[in-house]
Amino acid sequence: MRSDLERIKDIQEAIANIEKYSIHGKIEFFENELIATWIIHHLQIIGETVRSISDELKLNYPKTPWLKIADFRNLIVHEYFRVDLQIVWSIVENQLPQLKEQIETILQEMSNNE
């Protein structure tokens, strides 16, 4: 079983993978199906990972939108025909940077507590 620390690092890696291609911008995201699929896949990984993080860790970081992340993962997996690329891009552009900061803070605090 993976630890919370490993799972938080998984989220950090998925964010880095999204940034690798989202840096090309909105037009490329909408015109390149492979990039859109790559980004959606890594958002799914983030959501799946969040579902496995302990309740204790989630309670310690209530500002992180754990439930919204998991709910979006459910939409991607179970209702993929409803995935709106405008919403996906909005998440990447507006919410992912904030999540990245939160994950970095969590990692730093977890490292300090070791």
PDB file of N, CA and C in Angstrom:
ATOM      1  N   MET A   1       0.838  -1.179   0.000  1.00  0.00           N
ATOM      2  CA  MET A   1       0.000   0.000   0.000  1.00  0.00           C
ATOM      3  C   MET A   1       0.887   1.248   0.000  1.00  0.00           C
ATOM      4  N   ARG A   2       0.550   2.168  -0.867  1.00  0.00           N
ATOM      5  CA  ARG A   2       1.336   3.391  -0.986  1.00  0.00           C
ATOM      6  C   ARG A   2       1.005   4.353   0.157  1.00  0.00           C
ATOM      7  N   SER A   3       2.012   5.065   0.605  1.00  0.00           N
ATOM      8  CA  SER A   3       1.833   6.029   1.686  1.00  0.00           C
ATOM      9  C   SER A   3       1.253   7.330   1.127  1.00  0.00           C
ATOM     10  N   ASP A   4       0.759   8.163   2.030  1.00  0.00           N
ATOM     11  CA  ASP A   4       0.269   9.478   1.614  1.00  0.00           C
ATOM     12  C   ASP A   4       1.373  10.289   0.950  1.00  0.00           C
ATOM     13  N   LEU A   5       2.584  10.184   1.472  1.00  0.00           N
ATOM     14  CA  LEU A   5       3.706  10.911   0.882  1.00  0.00           C
ATOM     15  C   LEU A   5       3.914  10.493  -0.577  1.00  0.00           C
ATOM     16  N   GLU A   6       3.884   9.203  -0.835  1.00  0.00           N
ATOM     17  CA  GLU A   6       4.046   8.720  -2.210  1.00  0.00           C
ATOM     18  C   GLU A   6       2.905   9.210  -3.098  1.00  0.00           C
ATOM     19  N   ARG A   7       1.717   9.222  -2.564  1.00  0.00           N
ATOM     20  CA  ARG A   7       0.552   9.672  -3.345  1.00  0.00           C
ATOM     21  C   ARG A   7       0.635  11.174  -3.650  1.00  0.00           C
ATOM     22  N   ILE A   8       1.075  11.951  -2.680  1.00  0.00           N
ATOM     23  CA  ILE A   8       1.233  13.389  -2.921  1.00  0.00           C
ATOM     24  C   ILE A   8       2.303  13.619  -3.989  1.00  0.00           C
ATOM     25  N   LYS A   9       3.364  12.828  -3.959  1.00  0.00           N
ATOM     26  CA  LYS A   9       4.388  12.919  -5.004  1.00  0.00           C
ATOM     27  C   LYS A   9       3.817  12.508  -6.368  1.00  0.00           C
ATOM     28  N   ASP A  10       2.893  11.548  -6.381  1.00  0.00           N
ATOM     29  CA  ASP A  10       2.231  11.167  -7.631  1.00  0.00           C
ATOM     30  C   ASP A  10       1.443  12.337  -8.210  1.00  0.00           C
ATOM     31  N   ILE A  11       0.769  13.075  -7.335  1.00  0.00           N
ATOM     32  CA  ILE A  11       0.016  14.252  -7.784  1.00  0.00           C
ATOM     33  C   ILE A  11       0.983  15.297  -8.339  1.00  0.00           C
ATOM     34  N   GLN A  12       2.072  15.512  -7.647  1.00  0.00           N
ATOM     35  CA  GLN A  12       3.083  16.471  -8.104  1.00  0.00           C
ATOM     36  C   GLN A  12       3.593  16.088  -9.497  1.00  0.00           C
ATOM     37  N   GLU A  13       3.841  14.800  -9.700  1.00  0.00           N
ATOM     38  CA  GLU A  13       4.325  14.329 -10.996  1.00  0.00           C
ATOM     39  C   GLU A  13       3.266  14.512 -12.083  1.00  0.00           C
ATOM     40  N   ALA A  14       2.012  14.226 -11.761  1.00  0.00           N
ATOM     41  CA  ALA A  14       0.933  14.405 -12.746  1.00  0.00           C
ATOM     42  C   ALA A  14       0.793  15.877 -13.128  1.00  0.00           C
ATOM     43  N   ILE A  15       0.932  16.764 -12.160  1.00  0.00           N
ATOM     44  CA  ILE A  15       0.872  18.201 -12.452  1.00  0.00           C
ATOM     45  C   ILE A  15       2.020  18.581 -13.387  1.00  0.00           C
ATOM     46  N   ALA A  16       3.210  18.080 -13.113  1.00  0.00           N
ATOM     47  CA  ALA A  16       4.364  18.365 -13.982  1.00  0.00           C
ATOM     48  C   ALA A  16       4.112  17.840 -15.395  1.00  0.00           C
ATOM     49  N   ASN A  17       3.488  16.686 -15.503  1.00  0.00           N
ATOM     50  CA  ASN A  17       3.187  16.132 -16.823  1.00  0.00           C
ATOM     51  C   ASN A  17       2.161  16.975 -17.565  1.00  0.00           C
ATOM     52  N   ILE A  18       1.203  17.520 -16.846  1.00  0.00           N
ATOM     53  CA  ILE A  18       0.229  18.421 -17.478  1.00  0.00           C
ATOM     54  C   ILE A  18       0.929  19.691 -17.944  1.00  0.00           C
ATOM     55  N   GLU A  19       1.785  20.246 -17.095  1.00  0.00           N
ATOM     56  CA  GLU A  19       2.489  21.486 -17.435  1.00  0.00           C
ATOM     57  C   GLU A  19       3.395  21.310 -18.646  1.00  0.00           C
ATOM     58  N   LYS A  20       3.914  20.116 -18.809  1.00  0.00           N
ATOM     59  CA  LYS A  20       4.825  19.843 -19.923  1.00  0.00           C
ATOM     60  C   LYS A  20       4.192  20.185 -21.278  1.00  0.00           C
ATOM     61  N   TYR A  21       2.885  19.951 -21.397  1.00  0.00           N
ATOM     62  CA  TYR A  21       2.228  20.211 -22.674  1.00  0.00           C
ATOM     63  C   TYR A  21       1.267  21.393 -22.635  1.00  0.00           C
ATOM     64  N   SER A  22       0.757  21.739 -21.472  1.00  0.00           N
ATOM     65  CA  SER A  22      -0.149  22.889 -21.410  1.00  0.00           C
ATOM     66  C   SER A  22       0.607  24.191 -21.657  1.00  0.00           C
ATOM     67  N   ILE A  23       1.910  24.154 -21.485  1.00  0.00           N
ATOM     68  CA  ILE A  23       2.731  25.343 -21.725  1.00  0.00           C
ATOM     69  C   ILE A  23       2.620  25.819 -23.181  1.00  0.00           C
ATOM     70  N   HIS A  24       2.203  24.921 -24.073  1.00  0.00           N
ATOM     71  CA  HIS A  24       2.041  25.281 -25.491  1.00  0.00           C
ATOM     72  C   HIS A  24       0.803  26.147 -25.717  1.00  0.00           C
ATOM     73  N   GLY A  25      -0.052  26.245 -24.714  1.00  0.00           N
ATOM     74  CA  GLY A  25      -1.171  27.174 -24.773  1.00  0.00           C
ATOM     75  C   GLY A  25      -2.505  26.568 -25.149  1.00  0.00           C
ATOM     76  N   LYS A  26      -3.494  27.425 -25.049  1.00  0.00           N
ATOM     77  CA  LYS A  26      -4.892  27.045 -25.238  1.00  0.00           C
ATOM     78  C   LYS A  26      -5.182  26.569 -26.657  1.00  0.00           C
ATOM     79  N   ILE A  27      -4.660  27.266 -27.640  1.00  0.00           N
ATOM     80  CA  ILE A  27      -4.942  26.890 -29.039  1.00  0.00           C
ATOM     81  C   ILE A  27      -4.418  25.491 -29.320  1.00  0.00           C
ATOM     82  N   GLU A  28      -3.209  25.216 -28.902  1.00  0.00           N
ATOM     83  CA  GLU A  28      -2.632  23.884 -29.118  1.00  0.00           C
ATOM     84  C   GLU A  28      -3.439  22.820 -28.387  1.00  0.00           C
ATOM     85  N   PHE A  29      -3.894  23.128 -27.188  1.00  0.00           N
ATOM     86  CA  PHE A  29      -4.719  22.195 -26.422  1.00  0.00           C
ATOM     87  C   PHE A  29      -5.978  21.822 -27.205  1.00  0.00           C
ATOM     88  N   PHE A  30      -6.637  22.820 -27.780  1.00  0.00           N
ATOM     89  CA  PHE A  30      -7.889  22.555 -28.496  1.00  0.00           C
ATOM     90  C   PHE A  30      -7.669  21.945 -29.872  1.00  0.00           C
ATOM     91  N   GLU A  31      -6.528  22.185 -30.465  1.00  0.00           N
ATOM     92  CA  GLU A  31      -6.285  21.668 -31.812  1.00  0.00           C
ATOM     93  C   GLU A  31      -5.571  20.328 -31.838  1.00  0.00           C
ATOM     94  N   ASN A  32      -4.923  19.959 -30.749  1.00  0.00           N
ATOM     95  CA  ASN A  32      -4.140  18.726 -30.729  1.00  0.00           C
ATOM     96  C   ASN A  32      -4.798  17.723 -29.781  1.00  0.00           C
ATOM     97  N   GLU A  33      -5.465  16.751 -30.371  1.00  0.00           N
ATOM     98  CA  GLU A  33      -6.200  15.745 -29.590  1.00  0.00           C
ATOM     99  C   GLU A  33      -5.286  14.982 -28.633  1.00  0.00           C
ATOM    100  N   LEU A  34      -4.054  14.731 -29.049  1.00  0.00           N
ATOM    101  CA  LEU A  34      -3.132  13.996 -28.187  1.00  0.00           C
ATOM    102  C   LEU A  34      -2.801  14.791 -26.924  1.00  0.00           C
ATOM    103  N   ILE A  35      -2.617  16.089 -27.069  1.00  0.00           N
ATOM    104  CA  ILE A  35      -2.330  16.923 -25.901  1.00  0.00           C
ATOM    105  C   ILE A  35      -3.549  16.981 -24.984  1.00  0.00           C
ATOM    106  N   ALA A  36      -4.726  17.181 -25.563  1.00  0.00           N
ATOM    107  CA  ALA A  36      -5.942  17.219 -24.739  1.00  0.00           C
ATOM    108  C   ALA A  36      -6.127  15.903 -23.991  1.00  0.00           C
ATOM    109  N   THR A  37      -5.916  14.789 -24.675  1.00  0.00           N
ATOM    110  CA  THR A  37      -6.060  13.481 -24.050  1.00  0.00           C
ATOM    111  C   THR A  37      -5.015  13.286 -22.959  1.00  0.00           C
ATOM    112  N   TRP A  38      -3.787  13.696 -23.200  1.00  0.00           N
ATOM    113  CA  TRP A  38      -2.701  13.603 -22.217  1.00  0.00           C
ATOM    114  C   TRP A  38      -3.080  14.359 -20.941  1.00  0.00           C
ATOM    115  N   ILE A  39      -3.568  15.574 -21.115  1.00  0.00           N
ATOM    116  CA  ILE A  39      -3.916  16.406 -19.970  1.00  0.00           C
ATOM    117  C   ILE A  39      -5.087  15.809 -19.203  1.00  0.00           C
ATOM    118  N   ILE A  40      -6.107  15.373 -19.906  1.00  0.00           N
ATOM    119  CA  ILE A  40      -7.261  14.749 -19.251  1.00  0.00           C
ATOM    120  C   ILE A  40      -6.826  13.492 -18.497  1.00  0.00           C
ATOM    121  N   HIS A  41      -5.966  12.707 -19.101  1.00  0.00           N
ATOM    122  CA  HIS A  41      -5.470  11.490 -18.449  1.00  0.00           C
ATOM    123  C   HIS A  41      -4.778  11.827 -17.122  1.00  0.00           C
ATOM    124  N   HIS A  42      -3.951  12.845 -17.120  1.00  0.00           N
ATOM    125  CA  HIS A  42      -3.231  13.188 -15.893  1.00  0.00           C
ATOM    126  C   HIS A  42      -4.142  13.849 -14.857  1.00  0.00           C
ATOM    127  N   LEU A  43      -5.184  14.532 -15.291  1.00  0.00           N
ATOM    128  CA  LEU A  43      -6.192  15.010 -14.338  1.00  0.00           C
ATOM    129  C   LEU A  43      -6.907  13.817 -13.702  1.00  0.00           C
ATOM    130  N   GLN A  44      -7.130  12.793 -14.498  1.00  0.00           N
ATOM    131  CA  GLN A  44      -7.735  11.568 -13.976  1.00  0.00           C
ATOM    132  C   GLN A  44      -6.819  10.921 -12.932  1.00  0.00           C
ATOM    133  N   ILE A  45      -5.531  10.882 -13.215  1.00  0.00           N
ATOM    134  CA  ILE A  45      -4.565  10.323 -12.261  1.00  0.00           C
ATOM    135  C   ILE A  45      -4.606  11.110 -10.948  1.00  0.00           C
ATOM    136  N   ILE A  46      -4.664  12.428 -11.047  1.00  0.00           N
ATOM    137  CA  ILE A  46      -4.743  13.251  -9.842  1.00  0.00           C
ATOM    138  C   ILE A  46      -5.995  12.887  -9.048  1.00  0.00           C
ATOM    139  N   GLY A  47      -7.117  12.793  -9.741  1.00  0.00           N
ATOM    140  CA  GLY A  47      -8.372  12.454  -9.064  1.00  0.00           C
ATOM    141  C   GLY A  47      -8.352  11.080  -8.438  1.00  0.00           C
ATOM    142  N   GLU A  48      -7.785  10.124  -9.132  1.00  0.00           N
ATOM    143  CA  GLU A  48      -7.695   8.763  -8.602  1.00  0.00           C
ATOM    144  C   GLU A  48      -6.792   8.739  -7.371  1.00  0.00           C
ATOM    145  N   THR A  49      -5.714   9.468  -7.431  1.00  0.00           N
ATOM    146  CA  THR A  49      -4.787   9.523  -6.303  1.00  0.00           C
ATOM    147  C   THR A  49      -5.452  10.171  -5.086  1.00  0.00           C
ATOM    148  N   VAL A  50      -6.182  11.240  -5.313  1.00  0.00           N
ATOM    149  CA  VAL A  50      -6.883  11.928  -4.224  1.00  0.00           C
ATOM    150  C   VAL A  50      -7.844  10.981  -3.509  1.00  0.00           C
ATOM    151  N   ARG A  51      -8.480  10.117  -4.267  1.00  0.00           N
ATOM    152  CA  ARG A  51      -9.423   9.165  -3.670  1.00  0.00           C
ATOM    153  C   ARG A  51      -8.726   8.204  -2.712  1.00  0.00           C
ATOM    154  N   SER A  52      -7.424   8.022  -2.870  1.00  0.00           N
ATOM    155  CA  SER A  52      -6.671   7.068  -2.055  1.00  0.00           C
ATOM    156  C   SER A  52      -5.931   7.702  -0.879  1.00  0.00           C
ATOM    157  N   ILE A  53      -5.919   9.011  -0.825  1.00  0.00           N
ATOM    158  CA  ILE A  53      -5.234   9.703   0.270  1.00  0.00           C
ATOM    159  C   ILE A  53      -6.066   9.542   1.545  1.00  0.00           C
ATOM    160  N   SER A  54      -5.378   9.431   2.652  1.00  0.00           N
ATOM    161  CA  SER A  54      -6.065   9.222   3.928  1.00  0.00           C
ATOM    162  C   SER A  54      -6.953  10.413   4.287  1.00  0.00           C
ATOM    163  N   ASP A  55      -8.024  10.111   5.005  1.00  0.00           N
ATOM    164  CA  ASP A  55      -8.915  11.169   5.490  1.00  0.00           C
ATOM    165  C   ASP A  55      -8.168  12.110   6.427  1.00  0.00           C
ATOM    166  N   GLU A  56      -7.244  11.570   7.188  1.00  0.00           N
ATOM    167  CA  GLU A  56      -6.467  12.386   8.125  1.00  0.00           C
ATOM    168  C   GLU A  56      -5.697  13.483   7.385  1.00  0.00           C
ATOM    169  N   LEU A  57      -5.029  13.121   6.297  1.00  0.00           N
ATOM    170  CA  LEU A  57      -4.280  14.119   5.537  1.00  0.00           C
ATOM    171  C   LEU A  57      -5.239  15.151   4.951  1.00  0.00           C
ATOM    172  N   LYS A  58      -6.360  14.692   4.416  1.00  0.00           N
ATOM    173  CA  LYS A  58      -7.333  15.624   3.831  1.00  0.00           C
ATOM    174  C   LYS A  58      -7.847  16.600   4.884  1.00  0.00           C
ATOM    175  N   LEU A  59      -8.088  16.103   6.091  1.00  0.00           N
ATOM    176  CA  LEU A  59      -8.564  16.982   7.166  1.00  0.00           C
ATOM    177  C   LEU A  59      -7.500  17.988   7.579  1.00  0.00           C
ATOM    178  N   ASN A  60      -6.239  17.618   7.466  1.00  0.00           N
ATOM    179  CA  ASN A  60      -5.146  18.527   7.817  1.00  0.00           C
ATOM    180  C   ASN A  60      -4.963  19.644   6.787  1.00  0.00           C
ATOM    181  N   TYR A  61      -5.509  19.456   5.592  1.00  0.00           N
ATOM    182  CA  TYR A  61      -5.364  20.451   4.518  1.00  0.00           C
ATOM    183  C   TYR A  61      -6.740  20.729   3.901  1.00  0.00           C
ATOM    184  N   PRO A  62      -7.611  21.369   4.658  1.00  0.00           N
ATOM    185  CA  PRO A  62      -8.989  21.574   4.194  1.00  0.00           C
ATOM    186  C   PRO A  62      -9.135  22.577   3.047  1.00  0.00           C
ATOM    187  N   LYS A  63      -8.119  23.393   2.803  1.00  0.00           N
ATOM    188  CA  LYS A  63      -8.208  24.365   1.703  1.00  0.00           C
ATOM    189  C   LYS A  63      -8.027  23.703   0.337  1.00  0.00           C
ATOM    190  N   THR A  64      -7.455  22.517   0.326  1.00  0.00           N
ATOM    191  CA  THR A  64      -7.296  21.782  -0.930  1.00  0.00           C
ATOM    192  C   THR A  64      -8.649  21.183  -1.295  1.00  0.00           C
ATOM    193  N   PRO A  65      -9.120  21.398  -2.510  1.00  0.00           N
ATOM    194  CA  PRO A  65     -10.464  20.946  -2.887  1.00  0.00           C
ATOM    195  C   PRO A  65     -10.523  19.447  -3.214  1.00  0.00           C
ATOM    196  N   TRP A  66     -10.237  18.621  -2.212  1.00  0.00           N
ATOM    197  CA  TRP A  66     -10.150  17.173  -2.414  1.00  0.00           C
ATOM    198  C   TRP A  66     -11.407  16.607  -3.064  1.00  0.00           C
ATOM    199  N   LEU A  67     -12.574  16.975  -2.559  1.00  0.00           N
ATOM    200  CA  LEU A  67     -13.828  16.413  -3.069  1.00  0.00           C
ATOM    201  C   LEU A  67     -14.082  16.828  -4.521  1.00  0.00           C
ATOM    202  N   LYS A  68     -13.828  18.075  -4.846  1.00  0.00           N
ATOM    203  CA  LYS A  68     -14.020  18.541  -6.229  1.00  0.00           C
ATOM    204  C   LYS A  68     -13.091  17.800  -7.187  1.00  0.00           C
ATOM    205  N   ILE A  69     -11.866  17.551  -6.747  1.00  0.00           N
ATOM    206  CA  ILE A  69     -10.908  16.823  -7.582  1.00  0.00           C
ATOM    207  C   ILE A  69     -11.406  15.405  -7.833  1.00  0.00           C
ATOM    208  N   ALA A  70     -11.847  14.734  -6.786  1.00  0.00           N
ATOM    209  CA  ALA A  70     -12.358  13.366  -6.921  1.00  0.00           C
ATOM    210  C   ALA A  70     -13.630  13.338  -7.767  1.00  0.00           C
ATOM    211  N   ASP A  71     -14.486  14.330  -7.592  1.00  0.00           N
ATOM    212  CA  ASP A  71     -15.718  14.391  -8.390  1.00  0.00           C
ATOM    213  C   ASP A  71     -15.411  14.580  -9.869  1.00  0.00           C
ATOM    214  N   PHE A  72     -14.415  15.415 -10.174  1.00  0.00           N
ATOM    215  CA  PHE A  72     -14.051  15.605 -11.582  1.00  0.00           C
ATOM    216  C   PHE A  72     -13.498  14.325 -12.168  1.00  0.00           C
ATOM    217  N   ARG A  73     -12.722  13.581 -11.390  1.00  0.00           N
ATOM    218  CA  ARG A  73     -12.227  12.272 -11.835  1.00  0.00           C
ATOM    219  C   ARG A  73     -13.397  11.359 -12.177  1.00  0.00           C
ATOM    220  N   ASN A  74     -14.439  11.370 -11.353  1.00  0.00           N
ATOM    221  CA  ASN A  74     -15.607  10.530 -11.621  1.00  0.00           C
ATOM    222  C   ASN A  74     -16.279  10.927 -12.934  1.00  0.00           C
ATOM    223  N   LEU A  75     -16.344  12.206 -13.195  1.00  0.00           N
ATOM    224  CA  LEU A  75     -16.915  12.678 -14.459  1.00  0.00           C
ATOM    225  C   LEU A  75     -16.084  12.185 -15.641  1.00  0.00           C
ATOM    226  N   ILE A  76     -14.773  12.326 -15.541  1.00  0.00           N
ATOM    227  CA  ILE A  76     -13.895  11.886 -16.626  1.00  0.00           C
ATOM    228  C   ILE A  76     -14.058  10.391 -16.898  1.00  0.00           C
ATOM    229  N   VAL A  77     -14.114   9.609 -15.842  1.00  0.00           N
ATOM    230  CA  VAL A  77     -14.132   8.149 -15.983  1.00  0.00           C
ATOM    231  C   VAL A  77     -15.506   7.624 -16.366  1.00  0.00           C
ATOM    232  N   HIS A  78     -16.549   8.133 -15.725  1.00  0.00           N
ATOM    233  CA  HIS A  78     -17.870   7.536 -15.886  1.00  0.00           C
ATOM    234  C   HIS A  78     -18.776   8.276 -16.865  1.00  0.00           C
ATOM    235  N   GLU A  79     -18.468   9.526 -17.114  1.00  0.00           N
ATOM    236  CA  GLU A  79     -19.321  10.306 -18.010  1.00  0.00           C
ATOM    237  C   GLU A  79     -18.457  11.092 -18.996  1.00  0.00           C
ATOM    238  N   TYR A  80     -17.480  10.387 -19.566  1.00  0.00           N
ATOM    239  CA  TYR A  80     -16.493  11.018 -20.436  1.00  0.00           C
ATOM    240  C   TYR A  80     -17.117  11.811 -21.580  1.00  0.00           C
ATOM    241  N   PHE A  81     -18.323  11.428 -22.019  1.00  0.00           N
ATOM    242  CA  PHE A  81     -18.997  12.140 -23.104  1.00  0.00           C
ATOM    243  C   PHE A  81     -19.444  13.533 -22.668  1.00  0.00           C
ATOM    244  N   ARG A  82     -19.449  13.792 -21.361  1.00  0.00           N
ATOM    245  CA  ARG A  82     -19.828  15.103 -20.835  1.00  0.00           C
ATOM    246  C   ARG A  82     -18.624  15.994 -20.551  1.00  0.00           C
ATOM    247  N   VAL A  83     -17.419  15.491 -20.784  1.00  0.00           N
ATOM    248  CA  VAL A  83     -16.226  16.293 -20.504  1.00  0.00           C
ATOM    249  C   VAL A  83     -16.183  17.459 -21.486  1.00  0.00           C
ATOM    250  N   ASP A  84     -16.149  18.649 -20.934  1.00  0.00           N
ATOM    251  CA  ASP A  84     -16.126  19.877 -21.720  1.00  0.00           C
ATOM    252  C   ASP A  84     -14.684  20.395 -21.724  1.00  0.00           C
ATOM    253  N   LEU A  85     -14.099  20.480 -22.909  1.00  0.00           N
ATOM    254  CA  LEU A  85     -12.705  20.911 -23.009  1.00  0.00           C
ATOM    255  C   LEU A  85     -12.505  22.333 -22.499  1.00  0.00           C
ATOM    256  N   GLN A  86     -13.526  23.165 -22.588  1.00  0.00           N
ATOM    257  CA  GLN A  86     -13.408  24.524 -22.033  1.00  0.00           C
ATOM    258  C   GLN A  86     -13.215  24.458 -20.522  1.00  0.00           C
ATOM    259  N   ILE A  87     -13.935  23.559 -19.870  1.00  0.00           N
ATOM    260  CA  ILE A  87     -13.807  23.393 -18.425  1.00  0.00           C
ATOM    261  C   ILE A  87     -12.438  22.809 -18.085  1.00  0.00           C
ATOM    262  N   VAL A  88     -12.009  21.822 -18.869  1.00  0.00           N
ATOM    263  CA  VAL A  88     -10.692  21.220 -18.637  1.00  0.00           C
ATOM    264  C   VAL A  88      -9.615  22.294 -18.729  1.00  0.00           C
ATOM    265  N   TRP A  89      -9.666  23.101 -19.766  1.00  0.00           N
ATOM    266  CA  TRP A  89      -8.648  24.146 -19.911  1.00  0.00           C
ATOM    267  C   TRP A  89      -8.723  25.151 -18.765  1.00  0.00           C
ATOM    268  N   SER A  90      -9.925  25.497 -18.349  1.00  0.00           N
ATOM    269  CA  SER A  90     -10.090  26.416 -17.228  1.00  0.00           C
ATOM    270  C   SER A  90      -9.456  25.845 -15.958  1.00  0.00           C
ATOM    271  N   ILE A  91      -9.619  24.556 -15.734  1.00  0.00           N
ATOM    272  CA  ILE A  91      -8.990  23.903 -14.583  1.00  0.00           C
ATOM    273  C   ILE A  91      -7.471  24.008 -14.687  1.00  0.00           C
ATOM    274  N   VAL A  92      -6.951  23.704 -15.866  1.00  0.00           N
ATOM    275  CA  VAL A  92      -5.500  23.740 -16.072  1.00  0.00           C
ATOM    276  C   VAL A  92      -4.959  25.152 -15.862  1.00  0.00           C
ATOM    277  N   GLU A  93      -5.648  26.108 -16.383  1.00  0.00           N
ATOM    278  CA  GLU A  93      -5.169  27.485 -16.355  1.00  0.00           C
ATOM    279  C   GLU A  93      -5.394  28.171 -14.998  1.00  0.00           C
ATOM    280  N   ASN A  94      -6.525  27.894 -14.360  1.00  0.00           N
ATOM    281  CA  ASN A  94      -6.905  28.661 -13.171  1.00  0.00           C
ATOM    282  C   ASN A  94      -6.778  27.914 -11.851  1.00  0.00           C
ATOM    283  N   GLN A  95      -6.948  26.607 -11.871  1.00  0.00           N
ATOM    284  CA  GLN A  95      -6.960  25.865 -10.613  1.00  0.00           C
ATOM    285  C   GLN A  95      -5.707  25.020 -10.395  1.00  0.00           C
ATOM    286  N   LEU A  96      -5.107  24.552 -11.464  1.00  0.00           N
ATOM    287  CA  LEU A  96      -3.922  23.708 -11.325  1.00  0.00           C
ATOM    288  C   LEU A  96      -2.743  24.440 -10.670  1.00  0.00           C
ATOM    289  N   PRO A  97      -2.485  25.700 -11.010  1.00  0.00           N
ATOM    290  CA  PRO A  97      -1.376  26.399 -10.331  1.00  0.00           C
ATOM    291  C   PRO A  97      -1.575  26.473  -8.813  1.00  0.00           C
ATOM    292  N   GLN A  98      -2.795  26.695  -8.395  1.00  0.00           N
ATOM    293  CA  GLN A  98      -3.092  26.747  -6.962  1.00  0.00           C
ATOM    294  C   GLN A  98      -2.915  25.365  -6.331  1.00  0.00           C
ATOM    295  N   LEU A  99      -3.379  24.319  -7.008  1.00  0.00           N
ATOM    296  CA  LEU A  99      -3.192  22.965  -6.497  1.00  0.00           C
ATOM    297  C   LEU A  99      -1.709  22.641  -6.398  1.00  0.00           C
ATOM    298  N   LYS A 100      -0.950  23.063  -7.392  1.00  0.00           N
ATOM    299  CA  LYS A 100       0.497  22.816  -7.370  1.00  0.00           C
ATOM    300  C   LYS A 100       1.128  23.432  -6.123  1.00  0.00           C
ATOM    301  N   GLU A 101       0.765  24.660  -5.811  1.00  0.00           N
ATOM    302  CA  GLU A 101       1.292  25.326  -4.613  1.00  0.00           C
ATOM    303  C   GLU A 101       0.891  24.562  -3.348  1.00  0.00           C
ATOM    304  N   GLN A 102      -0.364  24.127  -3.295  1.00  0.00           N
ATOM    305  CA  GLN A 102      -0.835  23.391  -2.122  1.00  0.00           C
ATOM    306  C   GLN A 102      -0.081  22.077  -1.963  1.00  0.00           C
ATOM    307  N   ILE A 103       0.138  21.381  -3.064  1.00  0.00           N
ATOM    308  CA  ILE A 103       0.854  20.100  -3.023  1.00  0.00           C
ATOM    309  C   ILE A 103       2.300  20.326  -2.588  1.00  0.00           C
ATOM    310  N   GLU A 104       2.928  21.364  -3.092  1.00  0.00           N
ATOM    311  CA  GLU A 104       4.306  21.672  -2.687  1.00  0.00           C
ATOM    312  C   GLU A 104       4.380  21.985  -1.192  1.00  0.00           C
ATOM    313  N   THR A 105       3.395  22.712  -0.676  1.00  0.00           N
ATOM    314  CA  THR A 105       3.340  23.014   0.755  1.00  0.00           C
ATOM    315  C   THR A 105       3.174  21.732   1.565  1.00  0.00           C
ATOM    316  N   ILE A 106       2.272  20.879   1.134  1.00  0.00           N
ATOM    317  CA  ILE A 106       2.049  19.607   1.831  1.00  0.00           C
ATOM    318  C   ILE A 106       3.327  18.789   1.845  1.00  0.00           C
ATOM    319  N   LEU A 107       3.995  18.682   0.702  1.00  0.00           N
ATOM    320  CA  LEU A 107       5.234  17.925   0.634  1.00  0.00           C
ATOM    321  C   LEU A 107       6.302  18.495   1.557  1.00  0.00           C
ATOM    322  N   GLN A 108       6.414  19.800   1.576  1.00  0.00           N
ATOM    323  CA  GLN A 108       7.415  20.431   2.436  1.00  0.00           C
ATOM    324  C   GLN A 108       7.104  20.163   3.901  1.00  0.00           C
ATOM    325  N   GLU A 109       5.849  20.278   4.285  1.00  0.00           N
ATOM    326  CA  GLU A 109       5.472  20.031   5.672  1.00  0.00           C
ATOM    327  C   GLU A 109       5.644  18.563   6.045  1.00  0.00           C
ATOM    328  N   MET A 110       5.348  17.666   5.120  1.00  0.00           N
ATOM    329  CA  MET A 110       5.525  16.251   5.404  1.00  0.00           C
ATOM    330  C   MET A 110       7.014  15.926   5.562  1.00  0.00           C
ATOM    331  N   SER A 111       7.850  16.561   4.754  1.00  0.00           N
ATOM    332  CA  SER A 111       9.303  16.349   4.849  1.00  0.00           C
ATOM    333  C   SER A 111       9.850  16.887   6.172  1.00  0.00           C
ATOM    334  N   ASN A 112       9.308  18.023   6.612  1.00  0.00           N
ATOM    335  CA  ASN A 112       9.754  18.619   7.877  1.00  0.00           C
ATOM    336  C   ASN A 112       9.357  17.773   9.079  1.00  0.00           C
ATOM    337  N   ASN A 113       8.296  16.995   8.928  1.00  0.00           N
ATOM    338  CA  ASN A 113       7.795  16.179  10.037  1.00  0.00           C
ATOM    339  C   ASN A 113       8.440  14.796  10.103  1.00  0.00           C
ATOM    340  N   GLU A 114       9.292  14.494   9.175  1.00  0.00           N
ATOM    341  CA  GLU A 114       9.933  13.171   9.177  1.00  0.00           C
ATOM    342  C   GLU A 114      11.039  13.100  10.179  1.00  0.00           C
TER     343      GLU A 114
END
